[in-house]
């Protein structure tokens, strides 16, 4: 494993030490976990945006979309355990 040095303000270091102790972790483990969680969150956000951009590009190229009311009704039914057929794509223009 690579070693990295962090310079933290004293007040933050104290907060980390308290929270780490409260959760039964070392300050090191607490900070590693926080860095992992933040890294994963940003990676997930970027992946979501990439899928959204690809979806928009696909729509712009094909004019195929889904009716928002049908999609919402389908999702509400699915959450409630009600069987409803999936919305069908439609050509907009």
Protein backbone atom coordinates (compact mmCIF):
# COMPACT_ATOMS: atom_id res chain seq x y z
CA UNK A 1 0.00 0.00 0.00
CA UNK A 2 1.14 3.53 -0.75
CA UNK A 3 1.57 6.01 2.07
CA UNK A 4 -0.08 9.42 1.86
CA UNK A 5 0.27 12.25 4.31
CA UNK A 6 -2.64 14.54 5.11
CA UNK A 7 -2.33 17.89 6.82
CA UNK A 8 -5.52 18.45 8.77
CA UNK A 9 -6.63 21.42 10.82
CA UNK A 10 -6.52 20.55 14.52
CA UNK A 11 -10.26 21.00 14.87
CA UNK A 12 -10.96 18.47 12.10
CA UNK A 13 -8.43 16.02 13.49
CA UNK A 14 -10.20 16.19 16.86
CA UNK A 15 -13.61 15.66 15.26
CA UNK A 16 -12.32 12.66 13.34
CA UNK A 17 -10.73 11.18 16.46
CA UNK A 18 -13.99 11.53 18.39
CA UNK A 19 -16.19 10.08 15.66
CA UNK A 20 -13.75 7.27 14.92
CA UNK A 21 -13.65 6.36 18.60
CA UNK A 22 -17.44 6.50 18.83
CA UNK A 23 -17.71 4.04 15.95
CA UNK A 24 -14.98 1.72 17.21
CA UNK A 25 -12.55 2.59 14.44
CA UNK A 26 -9.11 4.08 14.33
CA UNK A 27 -8.79 7.57 12.91
CA UNK A 28 -6.89 6.03 9.99
CA UNK A 29 -9.68 3.53 9.22
CA UNK A 30 -12.28 6.28 9.54
CA UNK A 31 -10.46 8.51 7.04
CA UNK A 32 -9.82 5.66 4.58
CA UNK A 33 -13.52 4.74 4.72
CA UNK A 34 -14.53 8.37 4.13
CA UNK A 35 -12.19 8.66 1.14
CA UNK A 36 -13.48 5.38 -0.32
CA UNK A 37 -17.12 6.48 0.08
CA UNK A 38 -16.50 9.89 -1.50
CA UNK A 39 -14.54 8.33 -4.38
CA UNK A 40 -17.32 5.81 -5.07
CA UNK A 41 -20.00 8.52 -4.89
CA UNK A 42 -18.23 10.68 -7.46
CA UNK A 43 -17.59 7.68 -9.72
CA UNK A 44 -21.30 6.76 -9.53
CA UNK A 45 -22.31 10.36 -10.29
CA UNK A 46 -20.03 10.40 -13.34
CA UNK A 47 -21.34 7.05 -14.57
CA UNK A 48 -24.93 8.31 -14.15
CA UNK A 49 -24.15 11.47 -16.13
CA UNK A 50 -22.45 9.43 -18.88
CA UNK A 51 -25.57 7.24 -19.19
CA UNK A 52 -27.76 10.35 -19.28
CA UNK A 53 -25.63 11.93 -22.02
CA UNK A 54 -25.71 8.68 -24.03
CA UNK A 55 -29.49 8.54 -23.62
CA UNK A 56 -29.89 12.13 -24.79
CA UNK A 57 -27.65 11.47 -27.79
CA UNK A 58 -29.70 8.38 -28.66
CA UNK A 59 -32.91 10.40 -28.46
CA UNK A 60 -31.47 13.19 -30.61
CA UNK A 61 -30.40 10.65 -33.24
CA UNK A 62 -33.61 8.58 -33.29
CA UNK A 63 -36.44 10.75 -31.89
CA UNK A 64 -37.53 7.64 -29.95
CA UNK A 65 -38.69 8.29 -26.40
CA UNK A 66 -41.17 7.19 -23.73
CA UNK A 67 -44.25 9.05 -22.56
CA UNK A 68 -43.43 10.41 -19.11
CA UNK A 69 -46.94 9.79 -17.74
CA UNK A 70 -46.81 6.15 -18.84
CA UNK A 71 -43.37 5.70 -17.28
CA UNK A 72 -44.51 7.27 -14.00
CA UNK A 73 -47.63 5.11 -13.89
CA UNK A 74 -45.54 2.00 -14.59
CA UNK A 75 -43.05 2.84 -11.82
CA UNK A 76 -45.82 3.61 -9.30
CA UNK A 77 -47.53 0.30 -10.14
CA UNK A 78 -44.25 -1.62 -9.86
CA UNK A 79 -43.55 -0.13 -6.41
CA UNK A 80 -47.05 -1.14 -5.30
CA UNK A 81 -46.63 -4.66 -6.67
CA UNK A 82 -49.25 -4.15 -9.38
CA UNK A 83 -48.60 -5.82 -12.71
CA UNK A 84 -48.60 -3.31 -15.54
CA UNK A 85 -47.08 -3.75 -18.97
CA UNK A 86 -43.94 -1.75 -19.66
CA UNK A 87 -44.36 1.51 -21.56
CA UNK A 88 -43.59 1.24 -25.25
CA UNK A 89 -41.17 3.57 -26.99
CA UNK A 90 -42.69 6.05 -29.38
CA UNK A 91 -41.28 8.07 -32.27
CA UNK A 92 -41.72 11.73 -31.31
CA UNK A 93 -41.35 13.53 -34.63
